[in-house]
Amino acid sequence: MFLIFYWTILFKTFIIHHLLEPTINAPALVADSELFCAIIFLLNAIIAFYGFSLYRIYRNIQKWRPIMKVNFNNILCATDLSDLSAIAISSGVALAKEFNARLFVCHIVDLSTTAAYGDIIFAPLELQNKTIGYTHEQLKRMMQNQTIDWEPLVTAGHPPDEISKFVAMHQIDLVVSATHGRSGLKRVFLGSVTERLMRTLPCPLLIVRSLEGVDTSTGESLLGFKKILVGCDFSTFSELAFQYGLSLAQDFESELHLVHVIETPSYKDILKSGASPGVSPEKTLYDQLNEKLSKMIPEESAVWCRPKAILLTGRPYEEIIKYSLLNSIDLIILGIRGRNLIEVLMTGSTTDRVSRKGPCPVLSVCPIAV
């Protein structure tokens, strides 16, 4: 502003002393020059003001941009035509509207069933074709009131394998599936399509398991991820999950809860290493982890979401579920370590347990997702 004023005065002085002195009607010209200079000054001020404003907007846009922007352009909903899987379609419809994405509604006709004594009974080809035709009609009926861009995908085969093929074929960015929440021996023997997809898909998997948050009159999901929790164990898997959390928090203008659970047996070596005189090892550990967790949150993220660093103590899956219930979390995002499926079925994993018992949808992110 000072420079504008300075150059305006110089311009006025130049006009008066070099152009107006020889003239007869100098007073009138001086008045005209003053008006002209005032106009020039005003125009310069306006240009400077809007130029600076545009520069600030540009800088803010640069700051708001997350490290990795998530784009769900193609979404696939896996359904077995049950009432539970209807929630997956409803959630997929809501997300397709939010991201202006194309929705693929997928059903796989299982080629075989297992008899009580372990024999495999293959369905006749004619029955398979009839079932595929019936499924197409069912999907059309389920989607008849939807205005989004969608396409049915129906085939026969082993569900996890066929879904993975569709994901690659149609460049799917997100798969939505429902889980029945099985546990115990039933889960060990039967497994779960969702659990297998969790570790084999090249894209994130959104797992839903209840009809809460669904408008029963229309069947449309009321997804609104206003509170997002990201589980963090400081591994590369959880870092990837956090990038998804940052991006989705920006899209939905959400609270973002970055949560680490201190599982005491896992930190025995740190606790034994000792602490400063007069300070308990637990206090030192808590401070170190809290600082490490807080440093993961970019300062600029406070512009477009409300980030929080949270430390809990206990079993990870139990504490995440408990915290989600107490804080009305709408979405939990967890990384996948890619453990052996047999090991997972026998012992479970944090992501698996949270997806089966948690109070809200769970987004599982595998390293091969990027």
Protein backbone atom coordinates (compact mmCIF):
# COMPACT_ATOMS: atom_id res chain seq x y z
CA MET A 1 0.00 0.00 0.00
CA PHE A 2 2.89 2.36 0.81
CA LEU A 3 4.42 1.71 -2.62
CA ILE A 4 1.13 2.53 -4.33
CA PHE A 5 0.92 5.85 -2.46
CA TYR A 6 4.59 6.63 -3.21
CA TRP A 7 4.31 6.01 -6.96
CA THR A 8 1.07 8.01 -7.16
CA ILE A 9 2.73 11.07 -5.55
CA LEU A 10 5.70 10.79 -7.92
CA PHE A 11 3.37 10.59 -10.91
CA LYS A 12 1.44 13.68 -9.73
CA THR A 13 4.66 15.67 -9.16
CA PHE A 14 5.94 14.74 -12.61
CA ILE A 15 2.73 15.99 -14.27
CA ILE A 16 2.68 19.29 -12.36
CA HIS A 17 6.35 20.23 -12.78
CA HIS A 18 7.07 18.97 -16.27
CA LEU A 19 3.79 19.12 -18.15
CA LEU A 20 1.67 21.79 -16.49
CA GLU A 21 4.13 24.64 -15.71
CA PRO A 22 4.28 26.00 -19.31
CA THR A 23 0.51 26.10 -19.67
CA ILE A 24 -1.70 29.17 -19.04
CA ASN A 25 -4.60 27.36 -17.35
CA ALA A 26 -2.40 25.61 -14.84
CA PRO A 27 -4.82 25.66 -11.84
CA ALA A 28 -7.51 23.81 -13.79
CA LEU A 29 -5.03 21.29 -15.10
CA VAL A 30 -3.63 20.82 -11.62
CA ALA A 31 -7.14 20.02 -10.38
CA ASP A 32 -7.61 17.60 -13.27
CA SER A 33 -4.28 15.98 -12.51
CA GLU A 34 -5.22 15.56 -8.86
CA LEU A 35 -8.47 13.85 -9.88
CA PHE A 36 -6.57 11.66 -12.34
CA CYS A 37 -4.01 10.69 -9.69
CA ALA A 38 -6.77 9.91 -7.21
CA ILE A 39 -8.38 7.59 -9.76
CA ILE A 40 -5.03 5.92 -10.46
CA PHE A 41 -4.42 5.51 -6.73
CA LEU A 42 -7.87 3.97 -6.23
CA LEU A 43 -7.42 1.55 -9.12
CA ASN A 44 -4.00 0.49 -7.84
CA ALA A 45 -5.43 -0.07 -4.38
CA ILE A 46 -8.24 -2.24 -5.77
CA ILE A 47 -5.81 -4.28 -7.87
CA ALA A 48 -3.49 -4.76 -4.90
CA PHE A 49 -6.34 -5.79 -2.59
CA TYR A 50 -7.81 -8.39 -4.94
CA GLY A 51 -4.38 -9.60 -6.02
CA PHE A 52 -3.38 -10.22 -2.42
CA SER A 53 -6.72 -11.92 -1.72
CA LEU A 54 -6.30 -14.25 -4.70
CA TYR A 55 -2.77 -15.04 -3.58
CA ARG A 56 -4.00 -15.96 -0.09
CA ILE A 57 -6.73 -18.17 -1.57
CA TYR A 58 -4.15 -19.92 -3.75
CA ARG A 59 -1.83 -20.49 -0.78
CA ASN A 60 -4.68 -21.88 1.32
CA ILE A 61 -5.70 -24.26 -1.46
CA GLN A 62 -2.11 -25.51 -1.58
CA LYS A 63 -2.15 -26.03 2.20
CA TRP A 64 -5.50 -27.78 2.21
CA ARG A 65 -4.40 -30.39 -0.29
CA PRO A 66 -3.78 -33.68 1.58
CA ILE A 67 -0.72 -35.83 0.95
CA MET A 68 -2.84 -38.38 -0.93
CA LYS A 69 -6.24 -37.58 -2.42
CA VAL A 70 -8.67 -40.48 -2.49
CA ASN A 71 -10.94 -40.72 -5.52
CA PHE A 72 -13.64 -43.37 -5.63
CA ASN A 73 -14.61 -43.27 -9.31
CA ASN A 74 -15.77 -46.89 -9.57
CA ILE A 75 -17.46 -48.59 -6.61
CA LEU A 76 -18.46 -52.27 -6.43
CA CYS A 77 -21.12 -53.58 -4.04
CA ALA A 78 -21.00 -57.30 -3.34
CA THR A 79 -24.41 -58.76 -2.48
CA ASP A 80 -25.80 -62.22 -1.77
CA LEU A 81 -29.37 -60.84 -2.09
CA SER A 82 -29.94 -61.18 1.68
CA ASP A 83 -31.47 -58.48 3.84
CA LEU A 84 -28.07 -57.82 5.38
CA SER A 85 -26.30 -57.30 2.07
CA ALA A 86 -28.97 -54.75 1.11
CA ILE A 87 -27.19 -52.34 3.45
CA ALA A 88 -24.06 -52.72 1.32
CA ILE A 89 -26.00 -51.59 -1.74
CA SER A 90 -27.53 -48.67 0.18
CA SER A 91 -24.08 -47.59 1.36
CA GLY A 92 -22.69 -47.96 -2.15
CA VAL A 93 -25.48 -45.79 -3.56
CA ALA A 94 -24.79 -43.07 -0.98
CA LEU A 95 -21.05 -43.12 -1.72
CA ALA A 96 -21.64 -43.10 -5.48
CA LYS A 97 -23.71 -39.94 -5.05
CA GLU A 98 -21.09 -38.35 -2.79
CA PHE A 99 -18.18 -39.03 -5.17
CA ASN A 100 -20.17 -38.92 -8.43
CA ALA A 101 -19.00 -42.48 -9.07
CA ARG A 102 -20.22 -45.38 -11.19
CA LEU A 103 -21.69 -48.20 -9.09
CA PHE A 104 -21.32 -51.89 -9.96
CA VAL A 105 -23.75 -54.20 -8.14
CA CYS A 106 -22.22 -57.67 -8.03
CA HIS A 107 -23.58 -61.11 -7.20
CA ILE A 108 -21.68 -64.36 -7.60
CA VAL A 109 -23.63 -67.61 -8.03
CA ASP A 110 -21.62 -70.14 -6.02
CA LEU A 111 -20.78 -73.10 -8.25
CA SER A 112 -21.00 -75.67 -5.49
CA THR A 113 -22.34 -76.39 -2.05
CA THR A 114 -20.84 -78.67 0.57
CA ALA A 115 -22.83 -81.64 1.81
CA ALA A 116 -22.92 -82.64 5.49
CA TYR A 117 -20.17 -85.26 4.98
CA GLY A 118 -17.86 -82.94 3.04
CA ASP A 119 -18.84 -84.05 -0.48
CA ILE A 120 -18.96 -81.33 -3.12
CA ILE A 121 -22.24 -81.15 -5.02
CA PHE A 122 -22.01 -79.18 -8.25
CA ALA A 123 -25.06 -77.32 -9.49
CA PRO A 124 -26.21 -78.29 -13.02
CA LEU A 125 -25.40 -75.78 -15.76
CA GLU A 126 -29.10 -75.23 -16.53
CA LEU A 127 -29.77 -74.34 -12.89
CA GLN A 128 -26.82 -71.95 -12.88
CA ASN A 129 -28.13 -70.11 -15.94
CA LYS A 130 -31.62 -69.84 -14.43
CA THR A 131 -30.13 -68.51 -11.21
CA ILE A 132 -28.07 -65.91 -13.07
CA GLY A 133 -31.18 -64.75 -14.95
CA TYR A 134 -33.18 -64.56 -11.73
CA THR A 135 -30.38 -62.58 -10.07
CA HIS A 136 -30.38 -59.99 -12.87
CA GLU A 137 -34.11 -59.44 -12.32
CA GLN A 138 -33.61 -59.14 -8.57
CA LEU A 139 -30.88 -56.54 -8.96
CA LYS A 140 -33.00 -54.50 -11.38
CA ARG A 141 -35.84 -54.55 -8.87
CA MET A 142 -33.54 -53.46 -6.03
CA MET A 143 -32.13 -50.56 -8.07
CA GLN A 144 -35.28 -49.47 -9.93
CA ASN A 145 -35.71 -46.23 -7.94
CA GLN A 146 -32.05 -45.19 -8.11
CA THR A 147 -30.94 -42.41 -10.45
CA ILE A 148 -27.20 -43.06 -10.26
CA ASP A 149 -25.06 -44.58 -13.00
CA TRP A 150 -24.95 -48.31 -12.21
CA GLU A 151 -24.31 -51.69 -13.82
CA PRO A 152 -25.11 -55.27 -12.71
CA LEU A 153 -22.29 -57.83 -12.56
CA VAL A 154 -23.46 -61.44 -12.26
CA THR A 155 -21.51 -64.63 -12.87
CA ALA A 156 -20.97 -68.11 -11.43
CA GLY A 157 -17.89 -69.22 -9.54
CA HIS A 158 -16.04 -68.88 -6.25
CA PRO A 159 -17.14 -65.48 -4.81
CA PRO A 160 -13.76 -64.10 -3.60
CA ASP A 161 -12.01 -65.08 -6.84
CA GLU A 162 -14.73 -63.75 -9.15
CA ILE A 163 -15.07 -60.48 -7.24
CA SER A 164 -11.30 -59.95 -7.49
CA LYS A 165 -11.53 -60.50 -11.26
CA PHE A 166 -14.32 -57.91 -11.56
CA VAL A 167 -12.27 -55.45 -9.50
CA ALA A 168 -9.35 -55.75 -11.91
CA MET A 169 -11.56 -55.74 -15.02
CA HIS A 170 -13.49 -52.58 -14.12
CA GLN A 171 -10.70 -50.71 -12.28
CA ILE A 172 -12.68 -50.66 -9.05
CA ASP A 173 -11.52 -48.13 -6.42
CA LEU A 174 -13.66 -49.36 -3.52
CA VAL A 175 -15.56 -52.56 -2.69
CA VAL A 176 -18.51 -52.46 -0.28
CA SER A 177 -19.53 -55.69 1.45
CA ALA A 178 -21.56 -56.82 4.45
CA THR A 179 -20.38 -59.27 7.09
CA HIS A 180 -22.55 -61.65 9.10
CA GLY A 181 -20.41 -61.21 12.20
CA ARG A 182 -19.73 -64.92 12.67
CA SER A 183 -17.41 -65.96 15.48
CA GLY A 184 -16.10 -69.12 17.13
CA LEU A 185 -16.06 -72.53 15.42
CA LYS A 186 -18.67 -71.54 12.85
CA ARG A 187 -16.34 -68.83 11.59
CA VAL A 188 -13.31 -71.14 11.59
CA PHE A 189 -15.04 -73.80 9.47
CA LEU A 190 -17.02 -71.56 7.14
CA GLY A 191 -14.71 -68.58 6.91
CA SER A 192 -16.08 -65.43 5.31
CA VAL A 193 -16.07 -63.96 1.83
CA THR A 194 -15.45 -60.57 3.42
CA GLU A 195 -12.41 -61.81 5.37
CA ARG A 196 -10.90 -63.31 2.24
CA LEU A 197 -11.54 -60.15 0.23
CA MET A 198 -9.94 -58.11 2.99
CA ARG A 199 -6.56 -59.72 2.23
CA THR A 200 -6.72 -60.25 -1.51
CA LEU A 201 -8.33 -57.14 -3.00
CA PRO A 202 -6.10 -54.53 -4.70
CA CYS A 203 -8.37 -51.76 -3.35
CA PRO A 204 -9.93 -50.74 -0.01
CA LEU A 205 -12.89 -52.68 1.36
CA LEU A 206 -15.76 -50.99 3.23
CA ILE A 207 -17.40 -53.47 5.61
CA VAL A 208 -20.90 -52.89 6.96
CA ARG A 209 -22.71 -55.19 9.36
CA SER A 210 -25.94 -53.65 10.64
CA LEU A 211 -29.04 -51.85 9.41
CA GLU A 212 -28.46 -48.84 11.64
CA GLY A 213 -28.17 -45.64 9.65
CA VAL A 214 -30.52 -46.83 6.91
CA ASP A 215 -33.79 -45.14 6.04
CA THR A 216 -36.12 -48.13 6.13
CA SER A 217 -38.77 -46.32 4.09
CA THR A 218 -36.47 -45.91 1.09
CA GLY A 219 -33.64 -48.33 1.90
CA GLU A 220 -31.16 -45.51 1.33
CA SER A 221 -28.09 -45.31 3.53
CA LEU A 222 -27.74 -42.21 5.66
CA LEU A 223 -23.94 -42.30 5.51
CA GLY A 224 -22.39 -39.20 6.97
CA PHE A 225 -18.83 -39.74 8.11
CA LYS A 226 -18.70 -36.81 10.54
CA LYS A 227 -16.47 -38.66 13.01
CA ILE A 228 -13.70 -40.83 11.57
CA LEU A 229 -11.36 -43.01 13.64
CA VAL A 230 -8.04 -44.23 12.24
CA GLY A 231 -6.25 -46.98 14.15
CA CYS A 232 -2.49 -46.45 14.29
CA ASP A 233 0.30 -48.81 15.36
CA PHE A 234 3.02 -46.71 13.62
CA SER A 235 3.47 -49.32 10.87
CA THR A 236 3.42 -48.61 7.14
CA PHE A 237 -0.02 -50.24 7.08
CA SER A 238 -1.49 -47.73 9.51
CA GLU A 239 0.25 -44.82 7.76
CA LEU A 240 -1.61 -45.73 4.58
CA ALA A 241 -4.87 -45.94 6.52
CA PHE A 242 -4.17 -42.48 7.94
CA GLN A 243 -3.76 -41.04 4.44
CA TYR A 244 -7.21 -42.36 3.56
CA GLY A 245 -8.52 -40.88 6.80
CA LEU A 246 -7.09 -37.44 6.02
CA SER A 247 -8.60 -37.41 2.54
CA LEU A 248 -12.05 -38.60 3.65
CA ALA A 249 -12.02 -36.16 6.58
CA GLN A 250 -11.50 -33.37 4.07
CA ASP A 251 -14.33 -34.61 1.84
CA PHE A 252 -16.80 -34.95 4.73
CA GLU A 253 -15.42 -32.11 6.92
CA SER A 254 -15.07 -34.60 9.75
CA GLU A 255 -13.56 -34.96 13.15
CA LEU A 256 -10.50 -37.18 12.71
CA HIS A 257 -9.50 -39.34 15.68
CA LEU A 258 -6.01 -40.84 15.29
CA VAL A 259 -5.95 -43.61 17.90
CA HIS A 260 -3.07 -45.70 19.20
CA VAL A 261 -3.67 -48.43 21.78
CA ILE A 262 -0.87 -49.15 24.24
CA GLU A 263 -0.85 -52.92 24.57
CA THR A 264 1.35 -53.37 27.67
CA PRO A 265 2.99 -56.72 26.68
CA SER A 266 4.13 -55.15 23.39
CA TYR A 267 6.02 -52.41 25.25
CA LYS A 268 7.83 -54.51 27.88
CA ASP A 269 11.28 -53.71 26.48
CA ILE A 270 10.58 -49.98 26.52
CA LEU A 271 9.27 -50.12 30.08
CA LYS A 272 12.35 -52.07 31.22
CA SER A 273 14.71 -49.53 29.65
CA GLY A 274 14.02 -47.19 32.55
CA ALA A 275 12.94 -43.58 32.83
CA SER A 276 14.30 -40.32 34.17
CA PRO A 277 14.67 -40.07 37.96
CA GLY A 278 11.35 -39.38 39.60
CA VAL A 279 9.39 -40.22 36.43
CA SER A 280 7.59 -43.55 36.02
CA PRO A 281 8.37 -45.65 32.92
CA GLU A 282 4.67 -45.58 32.02
CA LYS A 283 4.67 -41.77 32.04
CA THR A 284 7.77 -41.62 29.84
CA LEU A 285 6.27 -44.10 27.40
CA TYR A 286 2.98 -42.21 27.29
CA ASP A 287 4.73 -38.90 26.57
CA GLN A 288 6.87 -40.44 23.82
CA LEU A 289 3.93 -42.07 22.09
CA ASN A 290 1.76 -38.99 22.44
CA GLU A 291 4.45 -36.84 20.81
CA LYS A 292 4.98 -39.38 18.03
CA LEU A 293 1.24 -39.61 17.37
CA SER A 294 0.77 -35.83 17.36
CA LYS A 295 3.62 -35.36 14.87
CA MET A 296 1.79 -37.56 12.36
CA ILE A 297 -1.00 -34.97 12.08
CA PRO A 298 -0.14 -32.21 9.55
CA GLU A 299 -0.59 -28.73 11.01
CA GLU A 300 -2.55 -27.58 7.98
CA SER A 301 -5.13 -30.35 8.46
CA ALA A 302 -6.78 -28.21 11.15
CA VAL A 303 -7.99 -25.96 8.31
CA TRP A 304 -10.25 -28.61 6.77
CA CYS A 305 -10.91 -31.13 9.57
CA ARG A 306 -10.77 -31.42 13.36
CA PRO A 307 -7.87 -33.79 14.17
CA LYS A 308 -7.31 -35.42 17.56
CA ALA A 309 -4.46 -37.65 18.78
CA ILE A 310 -5.77 -40.26 21.24
CA LEU A 311 -3.83 -42.77 23.37
CA LEU A 312 -5.64 -45.73 24.94
CA THR A 313 -4.47 -48.73 26.97
CA GLY A 314 -5.63 -52.33 26.61
CA ARG A 315 -6.40 -54.78 23.82
CA PRO A 316 -6.51 -52.86 20.53
CA TYR A 317 -9.78 -54.24 19.15
CA GLU A 318 -11.59 -53.91 22.48
CA GLU A 319 -10.44 -50.34 23.08
CA ILE A 320 -11.20 -49.23 19.52
CA ILE A 321 -14.74 -50.64 19.75
CA LYS A 322 -15.29 -49.11 23.19
CA TYR A 323 -13.95 -45.70 22.12
CA SER A 324 -16.08 -45.78 18.96
CA LEU A 325 -19.22 -46.42 20.99
CA LEU A 326 -18.49 -43.70 23.54
CA ASN A 327 -17.65 -41.09 20.89
CA SER A 328 -20.30 -41.96 18.26
CA ILE A 329 -17.71 -42.74 15.58
CA ASP A 330 -19.22 -43.08 12.08
CA LEU A 331 -16.31 -44.78 10.29
CA ILE A 332 -13.28 -46.80 11.44
CA ILE A 333 -10.26 -47.07 9.13
CA LEU A 334 -7.68 -49.79 9.76
CA GLY A 335 -4.68 -51.11 7.87
CA ILE A 336 -4.32 -54.78 6.93
CA ARG A 337 -1.12 -56.66 7.72
CA GLY A 338 -1.84 -59.40 5.19
CA ARG A 339 -1.54 -62.29 7.65
CA ASN A 340 -2.16 -65.88 6.57
CA LEU A 341 -5.90 -66.55 6.32
CA ILE A 342 -5.73 -69.73 8.45
CA GLU A 343 -3.95 -67.79 11.19
CA VAL A 344 -6.58 -65.07 10.98
CA LEU A 345 -9.47 -67.56 11.18
CA MET A 346 -7.92 -69.23 14.23
CA THR A 347 -6.75 -66.16 16.17
CA GLY A 348 -8.44 -63.22 14.51
CA SER A 349 -6.94 -59.80 13.79
CA THR A 350 -7.78 -56.34 15.04
CA THR A 351 -9.40 -55.36 11.74
CA ASP A 352 -11.36 -58.61 11.52
CA ARG A 353 -12.64 -58.38 15.09
CA VAL A 354 -13.56 -54.70 14.82
CA SER A 355 -15.40 -55.30 11.54
CA ARG A 356 -17.46 -58.09 13.13
CA LYS A 357 -18.19 -56.41 16.46
CA GLY A 358 -17.78 -52.69 15.85
CA PRO A 359 -20.69 -50.21 15.95
CA CYS A 360 -20.06 -48.65 12.53
CA PRO A 361 -18.66 -49.39 9.05
CA VAL A 362 -14.98 -50.35 8.84
CA LEU A 363 -12.73 -49.39 5.92
CA SER A 364 -9.86 -51.87 5.60
CA VAL A 365 -6.86 -50.67 3.62
CA CYS A 366 -4.25 -53.06 2.28
CA PRO A 367 -0.78 -51.93 1.07
CA ILE A 368 -1.55 -53.23 -2.42
CA ALA A 369 -4.39 -50.66 -2.52
CA VAL A 370 -1.87 -48.17 -3.86
